[in-house]
Amino acid sequence: MHYVFGDNEVDTQRDELRHGGIPCPLESQVFQVFVYLVQHRDRVVSKAELLEYLWPQQYIRRYLETFIGKGVALLDS
């Protein structure tokens, strides 16, 4: 799938995020967070839901917050 929002593009076939047409290198889990949020953009996604989807057997809140923070920082640059 290919999603476009503002100056950003998410290509799930290539596992790639582009900002202003420039590829943004992302760790795999950061990319997975982006994809999940974009796929569920019509509603608020809770941290608990993200954790269950990304790490079904683990509850690692600080990692999720780190990944979200890195993603937001890339989009804000």
Protein backbone atom coordinates (compact mmCIF):
# COMPACT_ATOMS: atom_id res chain seq x y z
CA MET A 1 0.00 0.00 0.00
CA HIS A 2 0.99 3.57 -0.56
CA TYR A 3 -0.23 6.34 1.74
CA VAL A 4 0.27 10.09 1.28
CA PHE A 5 -0.32 12.72 3.95
CA GLY A 6 1.02 16.23 3.58
CA ASP A 7 4.64 16.04 2.37
CA ASN A 8 4.92 12.47 3.62
CA GLU A 9 4.56 9.12 1.86
CA VAL A 10 4.49 5.65 3.37
CA ASP A 11 5.15 2.75 1.01
CA THR A 12 4.50 -0.58 2.71
CA GLN A 13 5.78 -2.57 -0.28
CA ARG A 14 9.22 -0.96 0.01
CA ASP A 15 9.12 -0.41 3.79
CA GLU A 16 9.87 3.23 3.16
CA LEU A 17 8.86 6.60 4.59
CA ARG A 18 9.54 9.68 2.49
CA HIS A 19 9.34 13.26 3.72
CA GLY A 20 9.35 15.85 0.95
CA GLY A 21 10.29 13.08 -1.50
CA ILE A 22 13.42 12.18 0.45
CA PRO A 23 13.65 8.72 2.04
CA CYS A 24 13.82 8.79 5.84
CA PRO A 25 15.82 5.93 7.30
CA LEU A 26 13.76 4.25 9.99
CA GLU A 27 14.26 1.34 12.30
CA SER A 28 11.88 -1.50 11.47
CA GLN A 29 9.74 -1.03 14.57
CA VAL A 30 9.45 2.73 14.03
CA PHE A 31 8.20 2.02 10.51
CA GLN A 32 5.71 -0.53 11.85
CA VAL A 33 4.32 2.11 14.22
CA PHE A 34 3.88 4.55 11.32
CA VAL A 35 2.15 1.96 9.15
CA TYR A 36 -0.24 0.92 11.91
CA LEU A 37 -1.13 4.52 12.73
CA VAL A 38 -1.67 5.40 9.07
CA GLN A 39 -3.80 2.31 8.50
CA HIS A 40 -5.97 3.30 11.49
CA ARG A 41 -5.96 7.04 10.86
CA ASP A 42 -9.74 7.26 11.18
CA ARG A 43 -9.60 6.75 14.95
CA VAL A 44 -7.43 7.24 18.00
CA VAL A 45 -5.05 4.32 18.56
CA SER A 46 -4.11 3.70 22.17
CA LYS A 47 -0.62 2.81 23.35
CA ALA A 48 -2.01 -0.47 24.66
CA GLU A 49 -3.33 -1.34 21.19
CA LEU A 50 0.00 -0.50 19.56
CA LEU A 51 1.85 -2.61 22.08
CA GLU A 52 -0.51 -5.54 21.57
CA TYR A 53 -0.13 -5.31 17.78
CA LEU A 54 3.64 -4.75 17.65
CA TRP A 55 4.76 -6.78 20.63
CA PRO A 56 1.91 -9.14 21.53
CA GLN A 57 3.86 -10.95 24.23
CA GLN A 58 5.70 -7.94 25.64
CA TYR A 59 4.70 -4.69 27.26
CA ILE A 60 7.56 -2.31 26.62
CA ARG A 61 6.09 1.17 27.03
CA ARG A 62 9.37 3.11 26.92
CA TYR A 63 10.35 1.53 23.58
CA LEU A 64 7.04 2.52 22.03
CA GLU A 65 7.42 6.06 23.29
CA THR A 66 10.95 6.16 21.85
CA PHE A 67 9.79 4.91 18.45
CA ILE A 68 6.91 7.39 18.33
CA GLY A 69 9.24 10.20 19.37
CA LYS A 70 11.74 9.34 16.63
CA GLY A 71 8.99 9.23 14.03
CA VAL A 72 7.51 12.55 15.09
CA ALA A 73 10.96 14.18 15.08
CA LEU A 74 11.50 13.04 11.48
CA LEU A 75 8.20 14.48 10.33
CA ASP A 76 8.83 17.77 12.15
CA SER A 77 12.23 18.28 10.50
